[in-house]
Protein backbone atom coordinates (compact mmCIF):
# COMPACT_ATOMS: atom_id res chain seq x y z
CA MET A 1 64.67 21.14 12.67
CA PRO A 2 63.71 17.47 11.41
CA PRO A 3 65.09 16.62 7.75
CA LYS A 4 61.98 16.77 5.16
CA ARG A 5 61.02 13.40 3.95
CA SER A 6 60.95 12.93 0.14
CA LEU A 7 58.37 11.33 -1.74
CA ARG A 8 61.48 7.98 -2.10
CA SER A 9 60.71 7.31 1.59
CA VAL A 10 56.89 6.84 1.77
CA PRO A 11 55.98 3.66 3.01
CA SER A 12 54.64 1.08 0.34
CA LYS A 13 52.06 0.05 1.99
CA ASN A 14 50.45 4.04 1.97
CA ARG A 15 50.92 4.95 -1.44
CA ARG A 16 48.40 4.45 -4.39
CA LYS A 17 48.05 1.55 -5.60
CA PRO A 18 47.03 1.14 -9.86
CA PHE A 19 43.78 0.14 -10.55
CA SER A 20 43.55 -0.88 -14.22
CA HIS A 21 40.39 -1.15 -16.15
CA LYS A 22 40.28 -4.68 -16.39
CA GLN A 23 40.37 -5.56 -12.10
CA LYS A 24 37.45 -2.67 -12.37
CA LYS A 25 35.23 -4.36 -14.43
CA LEU A 26 35.50 -7.74 -12.45
CA GLN A 27 35.26 -6.11 -9.78
CA LEU A 28 31.79 -5.06 -10.60
CA GLN A 29 30.76 -8.47 -12.02
CA GLN A 30 31.79 -9.88 -8.72
CA LYS A 31 29.42 -7.56 -6.97
CA ARG A 32 26.58 -8.47 -9.68
CA GLN A 33 27.34 -12.17 -8.75
CA ARG A 34 26.88 -11.49 -5.28
CA LYS A 35 23.97 -9.50 -5.89
CA GLY A 36 22.17 -12.07 -7.73
CA ASP A 37 23.20 -15.03 -5.71
CA ARG A 38 21.19 -13.05 -2.36
CA ARG A 39 18.13 -12.34 -4.51
CA ASP A 40 17.31 -15.85 -4.95
CA VAL A 41 17.76 -16.82 -1.32
CA GLY A 42 14.18 -17.48 -0.50
CA THR A 43 12.15 -17.20 -4.09
CA PRO A 44 10.72 -20.33 -5.35
CA PRO A 45 12.00 -21.05 -8.54
CA THR A 46 10.39 -19.44 -11.86
CA VAL A 47 10.26 -20.21 -15.48
CA SER A 48 10.24 -18.03 -18.50
CA ALA A 49 9.11 -19.13 -22.18
CA GLU A 50 12.87 -19.60 -22.97
CA ASP A 51 13.64 -22.62 -20.40
CA GLY A 52 10.23 -24.33 -21.36
CA GLY A 53 7.41 -21.73 -20.96
CA ASP A 54 4.23 -22.56 -23.60
CA GLU A 55 3.53 -19.86 -26.78
CA ARG A 56 1.82 -18.02 -24.67
CA GLY A 57 5.07 -16.06 -23.79
CA GLU A 58 7.46 -15.16 -20.38
CA GLY A 59 4.29 -13.91 -18.78
CA SER A 60 2.76 -17.56 -19.31
CA SER A 61 2.25 -20.62 -16.28
CA THR A 62 4.01 -23.02 -17.02
CA GLU A 63 3.37 -26.93 -15.89
CA THR A 64 6.15 -28.40 -14.26
CA GLY A 65 5.86 -32.16 -13.06
CA SER A 66 6.75 -32.28 -9.00
CA GLU A 67 6.11 -35.79 -7.68
CA GLY A 68 3.16 -36.30 -9.54
CA GLU A 69 2.03 -32.83 -8.12
CA ALA A 70 1.28 -29.79 -11.08
CA VAL A 71 2.75 -26.96 -10.29
CA ALA A 72 2.74 -23.97 -11.97
CA THR A 73 5.73 -21.17 -11.65
CA VAL A 74 5.33 -17.53 -13.63
CA GLU A 75 8.63 -15.55 -14.10
CA VAL A 76 8.08 -12.94 -12.12
CA ALA A 77 9.60 -9.06 -12.04
CA ARG A 78 11.18 -8.11 -9.10
CA LEU A 79 10.27 -3.59 -8.23
CA ASN A 80 12.19 -1.28 -6.30
CA LEU A 81 14.87 -3.35 -5.77
CA GLN A 82 17.81 -2.48 -3.30
CA PRO A 83 21.36 -3.36 -3.82
CA ALA A 84 23.19 -6.16 -1.85
CA THR A 85 25.79 -4.81 0.80
CA ALA A 86 29.45 -5.71 0.83
CA ASP A 87 27.82 -8.21 3.81
CA THR A 88 29.27 -11.57 2.90
CA ASP A 89 25.79 -13.12 4.93
CA THR A 90 23.67 -14.92 2.15
CA HIS A 91 21.19 -15.05 5.20
CA TYR A 92 20.58 -11.40 4.71
CA ASP A 93 18.57 -10.70 1.37
CA PRO A 94 17.40 -6.38 1.30
CA ASN A 95 14.91 -7.50 -1.60
CA ARG A 96 13.30 -9.89 0.82
CA TYR A 97 9.64 -7.87 0.81
CA LYS A 98 10.14 -5.90 -2.52
CA LEU A 99 6.72 -6.21 -4.88
CA HIS A 100 6.69 -9.40 -7.07
CA PHE A 101 4.60 -9.04 -10.26
CA GLN A 102 4.30 -10.89 -13.73
CA ARG A 103 6.70 -10.18 -15.95
CA GLU A 104 5.99 -9.20 -19.61
CA SER A 105 7.66 -10.33 -22.42
CA ALA A 106 9.15 -8.38 -24.59
CA GLU A 107 7.68 -9.60 -27.52
CA GLU A 108 4.51 -8.32 -25.99
CA ILE A 109 5.84 -5.01 -25.26
CA GLU A 110 7.14 -4.22 -28.39
CA ARG A 111 3.81 -5.69 -29.47
CA ARG A 112 2.05 -2.52 -27.76
CA LYS A 113 4.53 -0.16 -28.63
CA LEU A 114 3.55 -0.95 -32.35
CA ARG A 115 0.10 -0.57 -31.54
CA ALA A 116 0.24 2.70 -29.76
CA GLN A 117 1.88 4.32 -33.16
CA THR A 118 -0.22 2.59 -35.92
CA GLN A 119 -4.14 2.37 -33.93
CA PRO A 120 -5.48 5.51 -33.43
CA LEU A 121 -7.53 6.61 -29.98
CA ALA A 122 -11.72 6.00 -30.02
CA PRO A 123 -12.92 7.33 -27.27
CA VAL A 124 -14.86 5.07 -24.88
CA PRO A 125 -18.16 5.19 -24.15
CA GLU A 126 -19.32 5.92 -19.99
CA SER A 127 -20.80 2.96 -19.74
CA GLU A 128 -17.96 0.87 -20.39
CA MET A 129 -16.04 3.05 -17.42
CA GLU A 130 -18.05 1.29 -14.31
CA VAL A 131 -16.43 -1.37 -13.11
CA SER A 132 -18.28 -3.82 -10.21
CA VAL A 133 -16.88 -5.43 -7.66
CA GLU A 134 -18.92 -9.03 -8.39
CA ASP A 135 -16.95 -8.22 -12.35
CA ILE A 136 -13.37 -7.52 -11.19
CA TYR A 137 -13.00 -9.74 -8.23
CA ARG A 138 -15.62 -12.92 -8.60
CA PRO A 139 -16.35 -13.65 -5.55
CA GLY A 140 -16.73 -17.26 -4.62
CA SER A 141 -14.09 -18.23 -8.10
CA ASP A 142 -10.34 -19.33 -8.19
CA LEU A 143 -9.67 -15.45 -7.78
CA ASP A 144 -8.78 -16.34 -4.02
CA ILE A 145 -6.63 -14.79 -1.51
CA PRO A 146 -3.54 -17.80 -0.46
CA ARG A 147 -4.74 -19.07 2.46
CA ARG A 148 -1.97 -19.95 5.85
CA PRO A 149 -1.87 -24.10 5.71
CA PRO A 150 -2.28 -25.43 9.46
CA TRP A 151 0.37 -25.79 11.40
CA SER A 152 1.32 -26.55 14.72
CA TYR A 153 4.08 -25.98 17.62
CA SER A 154 5.69 -29.26 16.50
CA MET A 155 6.66 -28.28 13.33
CA THR A 156 10.63 -27.40 12.64
CA LYS A 157 10.85 -23.86 10.62
CA GLU A 158 11.95 -26.12 7.66
CA GLN A 159 8.93 -28.39 7.88
CA LEU A 160 6.40 -24.97 8.13
CA ASP A 161 8.23 -23.07 5.20
CA GLN A 162 8.50 -26.15 2.58
CA GLN A 163 4.56 -26.34 3.87
CA GLU A 164 3.30 -22.70 3.02
CA GLN A 165 6.02 -22.69 -0.06
CA SER A 166 3.91 -25.74 -1.44
CA ALA A 167 0.81 -24.44 -0.90
CA PHE A 168 1.32 -21.30 -2.31
CA GLN A 169 2.87 -22.40 -5.40
CA ASP A 170 -0.56 -24.66 -5.71
CA TYR A 171 -2.57 -21.36 -5.51
CA LEU A 172 -0.23 -19.41 -7.95
CA SER A 173 -0.85 -22.86 -10.41
CA ARG A 174 -4.14 -22.96 -10.17
CA ILE A 175 -4.88 -19.23 -11.04
CA HIS A 176 -2.54 -19.20 -13.78
CA SER A 177 -3.73 -22.27 -15.35
CA ASN A 178 -7.25 -21.30 -15.24
CA HIS A 179 -6.75 -17.64 -16.34
CA ARG A 180 -5.17 -15.97 -19.42
CA PRO A 181 -2.16 -14.32 -18.75
CA GLN A 182 -3.23 -11.01 -20.67
CA ASP A 183 -7.26 -11.35 -18.81
CA LEU A 184 -5.14 -11.35 -15.23
CA SER A 185 -4.46 -7.92 -13.18
CA LEU A 186 -0.93 -7.45 -11.88
CA PHE A 187 -0.97 -9.48 -8.31
CA GLU A 188 1.33 -10.50 -5.84
CA HIS A 189 3.54 -13.31 -6.56
CA ASN A 190 5.99 -12.63 -3.15
CA LEU A 191 5.40 -15.11 -0.42
CA GLU A 192 7.14 -13.40 2.28
CA THR A 193 4.27 -10.06 2.00
CA TRP A 194 2.03 -12.49 1.11
CA ARG A 195 2.92 -13.85 5.30
CA GLN A 196 3.48 -10.23 6.55
CA LEU A 197 -0.66 -10.44 5.64
CA TRP A 198 -1.30 -13.84 7.43
CA ARG A 199 0.83 -12.30 10.61
CA VAL A 200 -1.16 -9.12 11.27
CA LEU A 201 -4.49 -11.21 10.72
CA GLU A 202 -3.33 -13.72 13.25
CA ILE A 203 -2.95 -10.58 15.73
CA SER A 204 -5.78 -8.35 15.05
CA ASP A 205 -8.53 -7.93 16.84
CA VAL A 206 -10.33 -5.47 14.98
CA VAL A 207 -9.17 -5.41 10.72
CA LEU A 208 -9.01 -2.17 9.14
CA PHE A 209 -9.49 -2.61 5.26
CA ILE A 210 -8.18 0.23 3.61
CA THR A 211 -9.50 1.46 0.28
CA ASP A 212 -9.31 5.44 -1.50
CA VAL A 213 -12.54 6.73 -1.72
CA ARG A 214 -11.57 7.48 -5.25
CA HIS A 215 -11.94 4.25 -6.82
CA PRO A 216 -12.02 1.98 -3.45
CA ALA A 217 -14.01 -0.97 -6.27
CA LEU A 218 -10.48 -1.49 -7.31
CA HIS A 219 -9.42 -2.18 -3.58
CA PHE A 220 -11.73 -4.12 -1.82
CA SER A 221 -11.02 -8.07 -2.51
CA PRO A 222 -14.53 -10.07 -1.02
CA ALA A 223 -12.54 -13.11 -0.73
CA LEU A 224 -10.60 -10.79 1.73
CA TYR A 225 -14.00 -10.23 3.60
CA SER A 226 -15.54 -13.79 3.21
CA HIS A 227 -11.61 -14.71 4.96
CA VAL A 228 -11.73 -11.88 8.33
CA VAL A 229 -15.41 -12.03 8.82
CA GLU A 230 -16.55 -15.88 7.79
CA ASP A 231 -13.02 -17.76 8.34
CA LEU A 232 -11.44 -16.24 11.83
CA ARG A 233 -14.82 -14.29 13.20
CA LYS A 234 -13.09 -11.34 13.49
CA LYS A 235 -14.50 -7.84 12.69
CA LEU A 236 -14.01 -5.88 9.29
CA VAL A 237 -13.74 -1.78 9.24
CA LEU A 238 -13.71 -0.48 5.38
CA VAL A 239 -11.92 2.98 5.91
CA LEU A 240 -12.46 5.14 2.77
CA ASN A 241 -9.71 7.30 3.02
CA LYS A 242 -8.79 10.29 1.70
CA VAL A 243 -12.78 11.64 1.68
CA ASP A 244 -11.50 15.32 1.44
CA LEU A 245 -10.57 14.68 -2.94
CA VAL A 246 -14.04 13.88 -3.30
CA PRO A 247 -17.39 15.62 -3.37
CA PRO A 248 -19.08 14.54 0.11
CA GLU A 249 -22.18 12.82 -1.89
CA VAL A 250 -19.21 10.55 -3.67
CA ALA A 251 -18.73 9.46 -0.01
CA VAL A 252 -21.99 8.91 1.12
CA ALA A 253 -22.89 6.63 -2.40
CA TRP A 254 -19.99 4.47 -1.34
CA ARG A 255 -20.73 4.25 2.11
CA HIS A 256 -24.57 3.12 1.28
CA TYR A 257 -23.17 0.85 -1.63
CA PHE A 258 -20.54 -1.43 0.80
CA VAL A 259 -23.14 -1.48 3.64
CA SER A 260 -26.17 -2.71 1.27
CA LYS A 261 -23.42 -5.53 -0.22
CA PHE A 262 -21.78 -6.60 3.00
CA PRO A 263 -24.17 -6.69 5.42
CA GLN A 264 -21.49 -7.41 8.50
CA LEU A 265 -19.00 -4.15 7.20
CA HIS A 266 -18.44 -0.98 9.09
CA VAL A 267 -17.65 1.74 6.85
CA VAL A 268 -15.24 4.49 8.19
CA CYS A 269 -14.60 7.88 6.25
CA PHE A 270 -11.44 9.25 6.76
CA THR A 271 -8.38 11.69 5.69
CA CYS A 272 -5.41 13.04 7.17
CA PHE A 273 -4.77 16.06 5.25
CA PRO A 274 -8.55 18.02 5.49
CA SER A 275 -8.95 20.63 3.35
CA HIS A 276 -12.54 21.63 5.67
CA HIS A 277 -13.18 21.13 9.06
CA PRO A 278 -15.63 19.34 9.98
CA SER A 279 -19.48 21.03 12.05
CA SER A 280 -21.76 18.24 13.55
CA THR A 281 -25.08 18.35 12.80
CA PRO A 282 -28.33 17.08 14.79
CA SER A 283 -29.05 14.77 11.33
CA SER A 284 -24.73 14.13 10.75
CA PRO A 285 -23.76 12.22 13.58
CA HIS A 286 -20.62 11.64 11.32
CA PRO A 287 -19.97 15.07 9.49
CA HIS A 288 -18.01 15.00 6.09
CA PRO A 289 -14.91 17.17 6.04
CA SER A 290 -16.36 19.25 3.79
CA SER A 291 -19.47 19.97 6.07
CA GLY A 292 -18.21 22.50 8.13
CA ARG A 293 -15.95 25.79 7.97
CA VAL A 294 -13.63 26.83 5.40
CA SER A 295 -10.17 27.34 6.16
CA LEU A 296 -8.39 30.50 4.99
CA ARG A 297 -4.69 29.17 5.01
CA PRO A 298 -3.52 25.64 5.11
CA ARG A 299 -3.00 23.46 8.73
CA LYS A 300 1.20 23.30 9.81
CA ARG A 301 2.77 20.72 12.05
CA VAL A 302 3.20 22.21 15.23
CA GLY A 303 5.50 21.02 18.29
CA GLY A 304 5.77 17.56 15.93
CA THR A 305 2.62 17.12 15.70
CA LEU A 306 0.10 16.48 12.44
CA PRO A 307 -3.21 18.02 11.45
CA SER A 308 -6.17 16.99 12.88
CA ALA A 309 -7.18 13.55 10.86
CA VAL A 310 -10.98 13.60 10.06
CA GLY A 311 -12.57 10.55 10.71
CA SER A 312 -10.58 9.10 14.27
CA ARG A 313 -13.57 9.93 15.87
CA GLU A 314 -15.95 7.60 14.22
CA LEU A 315 -13.68 5.06 14.16
CA PHE A 316 -12.85 5.60 17.76
CA GLU A 317 -17.22 5.01 18.58
CA VAL A 318 -16.57 1.92 15.90
CA VAL A 319 -14.39 0.16 17.82
CA GLU A 320 -15.48 1.01 21.14
CA GLU A 321 -19.42 -0.57 20.13
CA MET A 322 -17.55 -3.40 19.39
CA PHE A 323 -15.50 -4.11 22.72
CA ALA A 324 -17.99 -2.46 25.49
CA GLY A 325 -16.75 -3.02 28.50
CA LYS A 326 -13.96 -5.89 27.63
CA VAL A 327 -11.71 -3.29 26.74
CA ASP A 328 -10.65 0.48 28.39
CA LEU A 329 -10.60 2.49 25.87
CA SER A 330 -10.15 5.80 28.24
CA GLY A 331 -6.46 6.18 27.23
CA TRP A 332 -7.40 6.58 23.20
CA ARG A 333 -10.96 8.85 24.55
CA GLN A 334 -8.31 11.22 26.01
CA ARG A 335 -5.97 11.76 23.05
CA LEU A 336 -9.32 12.45 21.07
CA GLU A 337 -10.80 14.96 23.89
CA GLY A 338 -7.65 15.92 24.67
CA GLY A 339 -5.96 17.37 21.34
CA GLY A 340 -2.61 15.50 21.72
CA GLY A 341 -2.93 14.01 17.80
CA GLY A 342 -5.65 11.93 15.86
CA GLY A 343 -8.51 14.54 17.22
CA GLU A 344 -10.95 15.27 15.47
CA GLY A 345 -10.31 18.77 13.42
CA GLY A 346 -9.19 20.21 16.49
CA GLU A 347 -12.48 19.18 19.11
CA GLY A 348 -12.08 19.26 22.63
CA ARG A 349 -9.85 22.30 22.02
CA LYS A 350 -10.84 25.48 23.62
CA GLY A 351 -11.94 28.60 21.43
CA GLY A 352 -12.62 27.20 18.08
CA GLY A 353 -12.84 30.17 16.56
CA GLY A 354 -15.00 30.97 13.55
CA GLY A 355 -18.50 31.43 15.28
CA ASP A 356 -20.85 32.21 12.49
CA SER A 357 -18.37 33.92 10.27
CA GLY A 358 -17.45 30.48 8.89
CA VAL A 359 -14.06 31.08 8.75
CA ASP A 360 -11.45 29.15 10.93
CA ASN A 361 -8.90 31.53 13.04
CA THR A 362 -7.19 29.30 14.99
CA ASP A 363 -4.39 31.82 16.27
CA SER A 364 -1.26 31.18 17.35
CA ASP A 365 -1.80 30.55 21.10
CA SER A 366 -3.99 27.47 20.78
CA GLU A 367 -1.30 26.26 18.19
CA LYS A 368 1.44 26.18 20.90
CA GLU A 369 -1.13 25.32 23.81
CA SER A 370 -1.37 22.21 21.37
CA GLY A 371 1.95 21.33 20.63
CA LYS A 372 2.39 21.41 24.55
CA THR A 373 -0.82 18.83 24.97
CA GLY A 374 1.12 16.86 22.34
CA LYS A 375 4.30 16.98 24.35
CA ARG A 376 2.70 15.24 27.34
CA GLN A 377 0.90 13.33 25.75
CA ALA A 378 4.21 11.75 24.34
CA GLU A 379 5.30 11.53 27.71
CA VAL A 380 2.40 9.43 28.47
CA GLU A 381 2.34 7.16 25.86
CA GLU A 382 6.49 6.71 26.78
CA ASN A 383 5.38 5.76 30.33
CA ASP A 384 2.25 3.42 28.98
CA ALA A 385 4.67 1.53 26.58
CA ALA A 386 6.68 0.44 29.61
CA LYS A 387 4.35 -0.64 31.19
CA VAL A 388 2.78 -2.48 28.25
CA GLN A 389 5.10 -5.72 28.86
CA SER A 390 4.14 -6.63 32.18
CA ASP A 391 0.37 -5.93 31.62
CA SER A 392 -1.16 -7.38 28.27
CA THR A 393 -4.33 -8.25 28.87
CA GLY A 394 -6.88 -6.19 27.45
CA ILE A 395 -5.32 -5.12 24.30
CA VAL A 396 -7.13 -4.68 21.40
CA THR A 397 -5.09 -4.80 18.26
CA ILE A 398 -6.29 -2.88 14.71
CA GLY A 399 -4.63 -4.49 11.89
CA MET A 400 -4.52 -2.04 8.80
CA VAL A 401 -4.28 -4.19 5.92
CA GLY A 402 -5.03 -3.00 1.53
CA HIS A 403 -3.48 -2.49 -1.96
CA PRO A 404 -0.16 0.14 -1.90
CA ASN A 405 -0.40 3.48 -1.95
CA VAL A 406 -3.56 3.71 -0.52
CA GLY A 407 -2.66 5.36 2.97
CA LYS A 408 -2.86 2.79 5.17
CA SER A 409 0.78 4.06 6.90
CA SER A 410 -0.98 7.69 6.48
CA ILE A 411 -3.37 6.49 8.84
CA LEU A 412 -1.64 5.36 10.95
CA ASN A 413 0.36 9.02 11.64
CA GLY A 414 -3.01 10.34 11.47
CA LEU A 415 -4.77 8.67 14.40
CA VAL A 416 -1.29 8.69 16.70
CA GLY A 417 -1.50 12.41 15.78
CA LYS A 418 2.57 12.83 14.84
CA LYS A 419 4.92 10.67 12.10
CA LYS A 420 5.50 7.08 13.96
CA VAL A 421 6.17 5.17 10.90
CA SER A 422 7.85 6.50 7.39
CA THR A 423 5.16 7.03 4.36
CA SER A 424 6.08 7.49 0.53
CA ARG A 425 4.22 8.28 -2.75
CA THR A 426 6.24 4.54 -4.64
CA PRO A 427 3.56 2.04 -4.02
CA GLY A 428 5.73 -0.82 -1.37
CA HIS A 429 7.33 1.47 0.64
CA THR A 430 6.57 -0.66 4.03
CA LYS A 431 8.39 -3.71 3.62
CA HIS A 432 7.80 -5.74 6.97
CA PHE A 433 4.29 -5.22 9.42
CA GLN A 434 4.68 -2.53 12.47
CA THR A 435 3.31 -1.75 15.81
CA ILE A 436 2.58 1.26 16.93
CA PHE A 437 0.84 1.57 20.71
CA LEU A 438 -2.12 4.24 20.29
CA SER A 439 -2.49 3.83 23.63
CA ARG A 440 -2.04 1.58 26.76
CA SER A 441 -4.57 -0.83 25.45
CA VAL A 442 -5.20 -0.31 21.93
CA ARG A 443 -2.14 -1.40 19.32
CA LEU A 444 -2.04 -0.30 15.60
CA CYS A 445 -0.55 -2.99 13.33
CA ASP A 446 0.72 -2.05 9.78
CA CYS A 447 0.62 -4.20 6.89
CA PRO A 448 2.48 -3.90 3.91
CA GLY A 449 0.61 -3.28 0.49
CA LEU A 450 -0.09 -6.15 -1.32
CA VAL A 451 -1.96 -6.28 -4.40
CA PHE A 452 -5.13 -8.89 -4.72
CA PRO A 453 -5.86 -11.41 -8.00
CA SER A 454 -8.73 -9.80 -9.98
CA LEU A 455 -9.57 -8.64 -13.59
CA VAL A 456 -8.66 -5.17 -13.50
CA ASN A 457 -7.28 -3.92 -16.22
CA ARG A 458 -3.54 -3.73 -15.89
CA GLN A 459 -3.25 0.02 -16.97
CA LEU A 460 -6.27 0.90 -14.06
CA GLN A 461 -3.80 -0.40 -12.20
CA ILE A 462 -0.97 1.75 -13.01
CA MET A 463 -3.38 4.61 -12.81
CA SER A 464 -5.01 4.63 -9.48
CA GLY A 465 -1.05 4.02 -7.89
CA MET A 466 -0.73 0.41 -7.84
CA TYR A 467 2.56 -0.01 -9.26
CA PRO A 468 5.42 2.47 -9.68
CA VAL A 469 5.33 3.93 -12.34
CA ALA A 470 8.84 4.87 -12.37
CA GLN A 471 9.17 1.38 -13.37
CA VAL A 472 6.44 0.83 -16.36
CA ARG A 473 8.42 -1.24 -18.84
CA GLU A 474 6.10 0.89 -21.82
CA PRO A 475 4.06 3.92 -21.09
CA TYR A 476 2.16 4.21 -24.21
CA THR A 477 -0.38 1.54 -23.89
CA PRO A 478 -1.50 3.59 -20.15
CA VAL A 479 -1.26 7.08 -21.53
CA GLY A 480 -3.53 5.62 -24.44
CA TYR A 481 -5.95 4.45 -21.88
CA LEU A 482 -6.16 7.09 -20.36
CA ALA A 483 -6.67 9.88 -23.35
CA GLU A 484 -9.31 7.23 -24.70
CA ARG A 485 -11.70 7.83 -21.26
CA THR A 486 -10.20 11.81 -20.70
CA PRO A 487 -9.93 15.02 -23.05
CA LEU A 488 -6.61 14.44 -22.61
CA THR A 489 -4.97 16.40 -25.39
CA SER A 490 -7.04 19.49 -24.94
CA LEU A 491 -6.49 19.44 -21.01
CA LEU A 492 -2.59 19.06 -22.41
CA GLY A 493 -3.18 22.24 -24.80
CA LEU A 494 -1.80 19.33 -27.98
CA VAL A 495 -2.27 20.29 -31.48
CA GLU A 496 -2.94 17.87 -33.90
CA GLU A 497 -0.82 17.71 -37.39
CA GLU A 498 -1.32 18.38 -40.64
CA GLY A 499 -2.06 14.88 -42.39
CA GLU A 500 -2.55 13.15 -39.26
CA GLU A 501 -6.07 10.69 -38.86
CA GLY A 502 -6.04 11.34 -35.69
CA TRP A 503 -4.43 11.18 -32.25
CA THR A 504 -2.55 7.93 -31.39
CA ALA A 505 -0.78 7.25 -28.14
CA TRP A 506 2.37 7.47 -29.90
CA GLY A 507 1.69 10.75 -30.70
CA VAL A 508 0.37 11.90 -27.62
CA CYS A 509 3.36 11.18 -25.64
CA GLU A 510 5.91 12.55 -27.86
CA GLY A 511 3.02 15.57 -28.61
C-alpha cells in the first residue's frame, strides 16, 4: 500500500492562491474597461450637454464643425446590452445591432418625477386620443427614412462605410435641427440596424410591412411606402397582424382606410394564434378568423408544427397575382393544401368536424395525421434547400419589415408552420436579417425591427411595445398617460385616501 500523502506534499501549482478584495476590484474594473472599448467599435461619436451641448439638455442635438459641414450628434442610450466575452478580439461587438434611442437627461427625468407627484390627473377627451398617419409622420417632410447612398463595386469597404456614416449623420442632423427633442418620438439611431433594412429591401421582390392591427397608424410609415413603391418600384403588402385581438369590424375598417389612402398598397389580415376557425362564405372571399366556428379548446403543437395561421392563404393569393406565370409557386400551394404548416385553419384536411353544430371537434387521429404530414413536409423542405443553390433562378424573396414587437418573426414561423426563428416579447429580439425557404421558389427574409422617426408621443410608444418596458427609467409618466385615458384606478380597485385632491401618477403607482 502506497504511503498517504500529506497536505504539505501537494504541489504548489495545484494549491488555491489567495485572491484579495483589491485584486477582485481591479479585475472588474479591467473587465468593464474592455467592455466599454468593444461597445464603442463602429458607433458614431456622441456629444452630451456636459461636453458642449446646448441648453436643452443631454438628449438635444449639438452642432459640430467637420470640414465646413455641420453634423448633429446626440447622446443615445443603448438598450438590451449584452456582456462582452473574455475574447480580446476588438473587432467583435456583441451589441452591434442593439436598439439605440435618444437618451433623456437626468434633469428631464427629475422634472417629470416632480410633475407626477404634484400634478393631478385630468381625463383626456376622446377627440384628443385620435391620431392619424398624416399628423404623426407628416409625409413629405424631413421625418423620412435614411436612404442608402449610391455605391459601386469599385469602392473599398472603408470608403463605403465612411460614405454611409456621413450620410446617416447628415440625416440625423437634419431631423434634430428642425424639431425639438421633446416633440420627436423615440427612433432608431443605430446605423447598423438601418443597414439591415437596406439589405432586406434590396434583395426582396415583395415587401411585407407588418403592423399591429390594434394601432396600425403608429406603425405605418408613409416614407417607407413611398420609398418602396416609387423609388424601388417594388410591391408592398401591408399585413394587419394579430387580428384575433380585435373585433372583425375594426380589422375591416383599417383595411378600407389604408386601401383608400394608399392605392398601390395590398392589405392582408393575419394572425398566428387564431382563437376561431375561418369559414368561407360567398360574400367574404377572405374571411376574418372571428367569422367561423368556435373552438372550445386551445390548439396545441403537434408533431413540431404550430397552430394554423389565418391569412397565409390570402397572402399566397396576393403574391400569386403579382407573379402570375413568372414564378413557380406550386410548392407553397401544396404546403397550404397539404396541411404541412402555414395552412388556413386546417383547410385541406380530411374531416374538419363541426358540421352544423358550429363547434370544432377535431380528434387526435387528425392531429396525428397532421404531424406525419408536417414531418414529410420537413424532409421535402430539406431536399429543396439543398437544390436551391444550383437552381437559383425563379426565386421570389419576401421581405418582412416593421417596428419592433409587431410579430415579424411570428409571421415567418406561422407561414412555415413550425418554429424556425426565435421570438420574444422584448422589442429588438431579432438582431440581424435571416432568410428561410418556404419552398424551393419562395424565400422569406426577416428584418430586425426598427422605429421610424415620427411625432408620436413617447409614452404612447412605450404603451404600444416599441420600447423595452424593463428599461424605462421613469415609469410614473407612462402610467399617468394611461390613467388619463382609461379608468385605470377603478380597474385596479384603488381607493383614494382622505385628504387627497384627485389622483396623481405617483399616487397610482404607489397605490
